[in-house]
């Protein structure tokens, strides 16, 4: 949150805009993980690792989304 405050102060954008941009980045990451899981390129143990990381990223995505909604 402190980084977002600094970025907002420097760029002139409000928290909502900064959080919305962060959410777009998180959406892109989720899409990349989904594509990786839908491909047949990885063995089962790597697919498990990718799925776990995607869950962690989803938690971050949800937190960013909640914070963005606070400043809507």
PDB file of N, CA and C in Angstrom:
ATOM      1  N   UNK A   1       0.829  -1.196   0.000  1.00  0.00           N
ATOM      2  CA  UNK A   1       0.000   0.000   0.000  1.00  0.00           C
ATOM      3  C   UNK A   1       0.868   1.252   0.000  1.00  0.00           C
ATOM      4  N   UNK A   2       1.968   1.208   0.724  1.00  0.00           N
ATOM      5  CA  UNK A   2       2.869   2.364   0.760  1.00  0.00           C
ATOM      6  C   UNK A   2       3.437   2.643  -0.635  1.00  0.00           C
ATOM      7  N   UNK A   3       3.821   1.568  -1.358  1.00  0.00           N
ATOM      8  CA  UNK A   3       4.342   1.747  -2.703  1.00  0.00           C
ATOM      9  C   UNK A   3       3.293   2.391  -3.588  1.00  0.00           C
ATOM     10  N   UNK A   4       2.042   1.991  -3.453  1.00  0.00           N
ATOM     11  CA  UNK A   4       0.974   2.555  -4.269  1.00  0.00           C
ATOM     12  C   UNK A   4       0.775   4.036  -3.953  1.00  0.00           C
ATOM     13  N   UNK A   5       0.909   4.397  -2.677  1.00  0.00           N
ATOM     14  CA  UNK A   5       0.795   5.808  -2.293  1.00  0.00           C
ATOM     15  C   UNK A   5       1.897   6.633  -2.940  1.00  0.00           C
ATOM     16  N   UNK A   6       3.128   6.094  -2.924  1.00  0.00           N
ATOM     17  CA  UNK A   6       4.259   6.799  -3.537  1.00  0.00           C
ATOM     18  C   UNK A   6       4.035   6.928  -5.043  1.00  0.00           C
ATOM     19  N   UNK A   7       3.651   5.830  -5.680  1.00  0.00           N
ATOM     20  CA  UNK A   7       3.427   5.857  -7.125  1.00  0.00           C
ATOM     21  C   UNK A   7       2.304   6.837  -7.478  1.00  0.00           C
ATOM     22  N   UNK A   8       1.244   6.839  -6.694  1.00  0.00           N
ATOM     23  CA  UNK A   8       0.121   7.748  -6.948  1.00  0.00           C
ATOM     24  C   UNK A   8       0.571   9.203  -6.804  1.00  0.00           C
ATOM     25  N   UNK A   9       1.418   9.465  -5.808  1.00  0.00           N
ATOM     26  CA  UNK A   9       1.898  10.829  -5.594  1.00  0.00           C
ATOM     27  C   UNK A   9       2.790  11.291  -6.750  1.00  0.00           C
ATOM     28  N   UNK A  10       3.613  10.387  -7.251  1.00  0.00           N
ATOM     29  CA  UNK A  10       4.542  10.741  -8.327  1.00  0.00           C
ATOM     30  C   UNK A  10       3.808  10.893  -9.658  1.00  0.00           C
ATOM     31  N   UNK A  11       2.927   9.977  -9.960  1.00  0.00           N
ATOM     32  CA  UNK A  11       2.268   9.975 -11.267  1.00  0.00           C
ATOM     33  C   UNK A  11       1.029  10.850 -11.305  1.00  0.00           C
ATOM     34  N   UNK A  12       0.497  11.188 -10.141  1.00  0.00           N
ATOM     35  CA  UNK A  12      -0.711  11.992 -10.108  1.00  0.00           C
ATOM     36  C   UNK A  12      -1.979  11.170 -10.202  1.00  0.00           C
ATOM     37  N   UNK A  13      -1.832   9.862 -10.293  1.00  0.00           N
ATOM     38  CA  UNK A  13      -2.997   8.994 -10.350  1.00  0.00           C
ATOM     39  C   UNK A  13      -3.437   8.627  -8.942  1.00  0.00           C
ATOM     40  N   UNK A  14      -4.731   8.428  -8.779  1.00  0.00           N
ATOM     41  CA  UNK A  14      -5.264   8.031  -7.490  1.00  0.00           C
ATOM     42  C   UNK A  14      -5.061   6.552  -7.233  1.00  0.00           C
ATOM     43  N   UNK A  15      -5.367   6.151  -6.020  1.00  0.00           N
ATOM     44  CA  UNK A  15      -5.195   4.750  -5.630  1.00  0.00           C
ATOM     45  C   UNK A  15      -6.022   3.821  -6.513  1.00  0.00           C
ATOM     46  N   UNK A  16      -7.237   4.234  -6.833  1.00  0.00           N
ATOM     47  CA  UNK A  16      -8.097   3.375  -7.643  1.00  0.00           C
ATOM     48  C   UNK A  16      -7.434   3.060  -8.973  1.00  0.00           C
ATOM     49  N   UNK A  17      -6.847   4.044  -9.614  1.00  0.00           N
ATOM     50  CA  UNK A  17      -6.193   3.835 -10.906  1.00  0.00           C
ATOM     51  C   UNK A  17      -4.990   2.918 -10.771  1.00  0.00           C
ATOM     52  N   UNK A  18      -4.189   3.141  -9.748  1.00  0.00           N
ATOM     53  CA  UNK A  18      -3.012   2.303  -9.526  1.00  0.00           C
ATOM     54  C   UNK A  18      -3.443   0.864  -9.259  1.00  0.00           C
ATOM     55  N   UNK A  19      -4.476   0.681  -8.431  1.00  0.00           N
ATOM     56  CA  UNK A  19      -4.953  -0.666  -8.131  1.00  0.00           C
ATOM     57  C   UNK A  19      -5.583  -1.324  -9.347  1.00  0.00           C
ATOM     58  N   UNK A  20      -6.293  -0.548 -10.158  1.00  0.00           N
ATOM     59  CA  UNK A  20      -6.882  -1.101 -11.378  1.00  0.00           C
ATOM     60  C   UNK A  20      -5.789  -1.583 -12.329  1.00  0.00           C
ATOM     61  N   UNK A  21      -4.702  -0.827 -12.438  1.00  0.00           N
ATOM     62  CA  UNK A  21      -3.573  -1.247 -13.269  1.00  0.00           C
ATOM     63  C   UNK A  21      -2.932  -2.515 -12.711  1.00  0.00           C
ATOM     64  N   UNK A  22      -2.813  -2.590 -11.409  1.00  0.00           N
ATOM     65  CA  UNK A  22      -2.260  -3.794 -10.779  1.00  0.00           C
ATOM     66  C   UNK A  22      -3.155  -4.991 -11.052  1.00  0.00           C
ATOM     67  N   UNK A  23      -4.444  -4.769 -11.000  1.00  0.00           N
ATOM     68  CA  UNK A  23      -5.380  -5.862 -11.240  1.00  0.00           C
ATOM     69  C   UNK A  23      -5.255  -6.376 -12.672  1.00  0.00           C
ATOM     70  N   UNK A  24      -5.062  -5.490 -13.623  1.00  0.00           N
ATOM     71  CA  UNK A  24      -4.875  -5.928 -15.009  1.00  0.00           C
ATOM     72  C   UNK A  24      -3.631  -6.814 -15.135  1.00  0.00           C
ATOM     73  N   UNK A  25      -2.581  -6.452 -14.427  1.00  0.00           N
ATOM     74  CA  UNK A  25      -1.381  -7.289 -14.426  1.00  0.00           C
ATOM     75  C   UNK A  25      -1.646  -8.655 -13.816  1.00  0.00           C
ATOM     76  N   UNK A  26      -2.405  -8.672 -12.743  1.00  0.00           N
ATOM     77  CA  UNK A  26      -2.762  -9.939 -12.100  1.00  0.00           C
ATOM     78  C   UNK A  26      -3.643 -10.780 -13.027  1.00  0.00           C
ATOM     79  N   UNK A  27      -4.545 -10.131 -13.758  1.00  0.00           N
ATOM     80  CA  UNK A  27      -5.391 -10.849 -14.722  1.00  0.00           C
ATOM     81  C   UNK A  27      -4.532 -11.508 -15.800  1.00  0.00           C
ATOM     82  N   UNK A  28      -3.544 -10.778 -16.290  1.00  0.00           N
ATOM     83  CA  UNK A  28      -2.652 -11.324 -17.315  1.00  0.00           C
ATOM     84  C   UNK A  28      -1.880 -12.525 -16.770  1.00  0.00           C
ATOM     85  N   UNK A  29      -1.436 -12.435 -15.529  1.00  0.00           N
ATOM     86  CA  UNK A  29      -0.714 -13.553 -14.917  1.00  0.00           C
ATOM     87  C   UNK A  29      -1.632 -14.767 -14.781  1.00  0.00           C
ATOM     88  N   UNK A  30      -2.864 -14.556 -14.351  1.00  0.00           N
ATOM     89  CA  UNK A  30      -3.821 -15.653 -14.226  1.00  0.00           C
ATOM     90  C   UNK A  30      -4.042 -16.321 -15.581  1.00  0.00           C
ATOM     91  N   UNK A  31      -4.173 -15.528 -16.620  1.00  0.00           N
ATOM     92  CA  UNK A  31      -4.368 -16.088 -17.958  1.00  0.00           C
ATOM     93  C   UNK A  31      -3.174 -16.928 -18.392  1.00  0.00           C
ATOM     94  N   UNK A  32      -1.975 -16.469 -18.085  1.00  0.00           N
ATOM     95  CA  UNK A  32      -0.768 -17.223 -18.443  1.00  0.00           C
ATOM     96  C   UNK A  32      -0.722 -18.559 -17.699  1.00  0.00           C
ATOM     97  N   UNK A  33      -1.073 -18.541 -16.431  1.00  0.00           N
ATOM     98  CA  UNK A  33      -1.088 -19.787 -15.663  1.00  0.00           C
ATOM     99  C   UNK A  33      -2.154 -20.738 -16.189  1.00  0.00           C
ATOM    100  N   UNK A  34      -3.315 -20.219 -16.530  1.00  0.00           N
ATOM    101  CA  UNK A  34      -4.386 -21.056 -17.071  1.00  0.00           C
ATOM    102  C   UNK A  34      -3.958 -21.688 -18.388  1.00  0.00           C
ATOM    103  N   UNK A  35      -3.322 -20.907 -19.247  1.00  0.00           N
ATOM    104  CA  UNK A  35      -2.828 -21.452 -20.515  1.00  0.00           C
ATOM    105  C   UNK A  35      -1.804 -22.556 -20.272  1.00  0.00           C
ATOM    106  N   UNK A  36      -0.923 -22.342 -19.313  1.00  0.00           N
ATOM    107  CA  UNK A  36       0.088 -23.355 -19.003  1.00  0.00           C
ATOM    108  C   UNK A  36      -0.569 -24.636 -18.497  1.00  0.00           C
ATOM    109  N   UNK A  37      -1.581 -24.492 -17.651  1.00  0.00           N
ATOM    110  CA  UNK A  37      -2.253 -25.673 -17.120  1.00  0.00           C
ATOM    111  C   UNK A  37      -3.081 -26.394 -18.179  1.00  0.00           C
ATOM    112  N   UNK A  38      -3.550 -25.673 -19.173  1.00  0.00           N
ATOM    113  CA  UNK A  38      -4.345 -26.285 -20.233  1.00  0.00           C
ATOM    114  C   UNK A  38      -3.497 -26.941 -21.318  1.00  0.00           C
ATOM    115  N   UNK A  39      -2.206 -26.691 -21.296  1.00  0.00           N
ATOM    116  CA  UNK A  39      -1.321 -27.299 -22.294  1.00  0.00           C
ATOM    117  C   UNK A  39      -0.865 -28.676 -21.796  1.00  0.00           C
ATOM    118  N   UNK A  40      -0.351 -29.447 -22.691  1.00  0.00           N
ATOM    119  CA  UNK A  40       0.162 -30.774 -22.352  1.00  0.00           C
ATOM    120  C   UNK A  40       1.687 -30.779 -22.282  1.00  0.00           C
ATOM    121  N   UNK A  41       2.274 -29.603 -22.123  1.00  0.00           N
ATOM    122  CA  UNK A  41       3.729 -29.484 -22.189  1.00  0.00           C
ATOM    123  C   UNK A  41       4.445 -29.849 -20.891  1.00  0.00           C
ATOM    124  N   UNK A  42       3.711 -29.939 -19.784  1.00  0.00           N
ATOM    125  CA  UNK A  42       4.364 -30.106 -18.495  1.00  0.00           C
ATOM    126  C   UNK A  42       4.010 -31.440 -17.856  1.00  0.00           C
ATOM    127  N   UNK A  43       4.982 -32.050 -17.184  1.00  0.00           N
ATOM    128  CA  UNK A  43       4.676 -33.277 -16.439  1.00  0.00           C
ATOM    129  C   UNK A  43       3.811 -32.954 -15.215  1.00  0.00           C
ATOM    130  N   UNK A  44       3.243 -33.981 -14.639  1.00  0.00           N
ATOM    131  CA  UNK A  44       2.283 -33.821 -13.541  1.00  0.00           C
ATOM    132  C   UNK A  44       2.856 -33.019 -12.367  1.00  0.00           C
ATOM    133  N   UNK A  45       4.106 -33.272 -11.986  1.00  0.00           N
ATOM    134  CA  UNK A  45       4.658 -32.570 -10.827  1.00  0.00           C
ATOM    135  C   UNK A  45       4.783 -31.064 -11.084  1.00  0.00           C
ATOM    136  N   UNK A  46       5.091 -30.680 -12.330  1.00  0.00           N
ATOM    137  CA  UNK A  46       5.166 -29.253 -12.651  1.00  0.00           C
ATOM    138  C   UNK A  46       3.770 -28.639 -12.728  1.00  0.00           C
ATOM    139  N   UNK A  47       2.807 -29.403 -13.220  1.00  0.00           N
ATOM    140  CA  UNK A  47       1.434 -28.911 -13.277  1.00  0.00           C
ATOM    141  C   UNK A  47       0.914 -28.640 -11.862  1.00  0.00           C
ATOM    142  N   UNK A  48       1.287 -29.487 -10.906  1.00  0.00           N
ATOM    143  CA  UNK A  48       0.899 -29.264  -9.507  1.00  0.00           C
ATOM    144  C   UNK A  48       1.509 -27.969  -8.971  1.00  0.00           C
ATOM    145  N   UNK A  49       2.786 -27.745  -9.288  1.00  0.00           N
ATOM    146  CA  UNK A  49       3.455 -26.523  -8.846  1.00  0.00           C
ATOM    147  C   UNK A  49       2.794 -25.296  -9.469  1.00  0.00           C
ATOM    148  N   UNK A  50       2.491 -25.376 -10.752  1.00  0.00           N
ATOM    149  CA  UNK A  50       1.853 -24.256 -11.448  1.00  0.00           C
ATOM    150  C   UNK A  50       0.481 -23.977 -10.852  1.00  0.00           C
ATOM    151  N   UNK A  51      -0.280 -25.026 -10.573  1.00  0.00           N
ATOM    152  CA  UNK A  51      -1.611 -24.865  -9.987  1.00  0.00           C
ATOM    153  C   UNK A  51      -1.523 -24.215  -8.610  1.00  0.00           C
ATOM    154  N   UNK A  52      -0.535 -24.606  -7.806  1.00  0.00           N
ATOM    155  CA  UNK A  52      -0.373 -24.020  -6.473  1.00  0.00           C
ATOM    156  C   UNK A  52      -0.010 -22.542  -6.575  1.00  0.00           C
ATOM    157  N   UNK A  53       0.904 -22.219  -7.460  1.00  0.00           N
ATOM    158  CA  UNK A  53       1.282 -20.818  -7.642  1.00  0.00           C
ATOM    159  C   UNK A  53       0.096 -19.994  -8.133  1.00  0.00           C
ATOM    160  N   UNK A  54      -0.722 -20.582  -9.003  1.00  0.00           N
ATOM    161  CA  UNK A  54      -1.897 -19.870  -9.488  1.00  0.00           C
ATOM    162  C   UNK A  54      -2.857 -19.554  -8.341  1.00  0.00           C
ATOM    163  N   UNK A  55      -2.995 -20.479  -7.394  1.00  0.00           N
ATOM    164  CA  UNK A  55      -3.844 -20.222  -6.218  1.00  0.00           C
ATOM    165  C   UNK A  55      -3.298 -19.047  -5.409  1.00  0.00           C
ATOM    166  N   UNK A  56      -1.977 -19.016  -5.222  1.00  0.00           N
ATOM    167  CA  UNK A  56      -1.372 -17.912  -4.472  1.00  0.00           C
ATOM    168  C   UNK A  56      -1.601 -16.586  -5.186  1.00  0.00           C
ATOM    169  N   UNK A  57      -1.425 -16.599  -6.501  1.00  0.00           N
ATOM    170  CA  UNK A  57      -1.655 -15.383  -7.277  1.00  0.00           C
ATOM    171  C   UNK A  57      -3.117 -14.952  -7.220  1.00  0.00           C
ATOM    172  N   UNK A  58      -4.014 -15.927  -7.193  1.00  0.00           N
ATOM    173  CA  UNK A  58      -5.443 -15.608  -7.109  1.00  0.00           C
ATOM    174  C   UNK A  58      -5.738 -14.895  -5.794  1.00  0.00           C
ATOM    175  N   UNK A  59      -5.103 -15.317  -4.717  1.00  0.00           N
ATOM    176  CA  UNK A  59      -5.281 -14.637  -3.427  1.00  0.00           C
ATOM    177  C   UNK A  59      -4.823 -13.186  -3.527  1.00  0.00           C
ATOM    178  N   UNK A  60      -3.685 -12.949  -4.172  1.00  0.00           N
ATOM    179  CA  UNK A  60      -3.202 -11.578  -4.355  1.00  0.00           C
ATOM    180  C   UNK A  60      -4.173 -10.786  -5.216  1.00  0.00           C
ATOM    181  N   UNK A  61      -4.644 -11.407  -6.269  1.00  0.00           N
ATOM    182  CA  UNK A  61      -5.612 -10.765  -7.162  1.00  0.00           C
ATOM    183  C   UNK A  61      -6.845 -10.334  -6.389  1.00  0.00           C
ATOM    184  N   UNK A  62      -7.354 -11.215  -5.540  1.00  0.00           N
ATOM    185  CA  UNK A  62      -8.555 -10.912  -4.770  1.00  0.00           C
ATOM    186  C   UNK A  62      -8.327  -9.760  -3.785  1.00  0.00           C
ATOM    187  N   UNK A  63      -7.137  -9.711  -3.184  1.00  0.00           N
ATOM    188  CA  UNK A  63      -6.810  -8.617  -2.267  1.00  0.00           C
ATOM    189  C   UNK A  63      -6.733  -7.288  -3.015  1.00  0.00           C
ATOM    190  N   UNK A  64      -6.103  -7.304  -4.179  1.00  0.00           N
ATOM    191  CA  UNK A  64      -6.006  -6.080  -4.987  1.00  0.00           C
ATOM    192  C   UNK A  64      -7.393  -5.625  -5.403  1.00  0.00           C
ATOM    193  N   UNK A  65      -8.226  -6.569  -5.817  1.00  0.00           N
ATOM    194  CA  UNK A  65      -9.578  -6.242  -6.232  1.00  0.00           C
ATOM    195  C   UNK A  65     -10.371  -5.619  -5.081  1.00  0.00           C
ATOM    196  N   UNK A  66     -10.241  -6.166  -3.889  1.00  0.00           N
ATOM    197  CA  UNK A  66     -10.948  -5.629  -2.726  1.00  0.00           C
ATOM    198  C   UNK A  66     -10.475  -4.223  -2.395  1.00  0.00           C
ATOM    199  N   UNK A  67      -9.172  -3.993  -2.463  1.00  0.00           N
ATOM    200  CA  UNK A  67      -8.644  -2.665  -2.193  1.00  0.00           C
ATOM    201  C   UNK A  67      -9.094  -1.665  -3.263  1.00  0.00           C
ATOM    202  N   UNK A  68      -9.094  -2.102  -4.524  1.00  0.00           N
ATOM    203  CA  UNK A  68      -9.540  -1.230  -5.613  1.00  0.00           C
ATOM    204  C   UNK A  68     -10.990  -0.820  -5.385  1.00  0.00           C
ATOM    205  N   UNK A  69     -11.819  -1.763  -4.978  1.00  0.00           N
ATOM    206  CA  UNK A  69     -13.223  -1.463  -4.731  1.00  0.00           C
ATOM    207  C   UNK A  69     -13.426  -0.487  -3.578  1.00  0.00           C
ATOM    208  N   UNK A  70     -12.489  -0.477  -2.627  1.00  0.00           N
ATOM    209  CA  UNK A  70     -12.542   0.486  -1.519  1.00  0.00           C
ATOM    210  C   UNK A  70     -12.416   1.911  -2.018  1.00  0.00           C
ATOM    211  N   UNK A  71     -11.633   2.096  -3.083  1.00  0.00           N
ATOM    212  CA  UNK A  71     -11.335   3.443  -3.570  1.00  0.00           C
ATOM    213  C   UNK A  71     -12.110   3.793  -4.837  1.00  0.00           C
ATOM    214  N   UNK A  72     -13.130   3.020  -5.138  1.00  0.00           N
ATOM    215  CA  UNK A  72     -13.927   3.272  -6.346  1.00  0.00           C
ATOM    216  C   UNK A  72     -14.744   4.545  -6.201  1.00  0.00           C
TER     217      UNK A  72
END
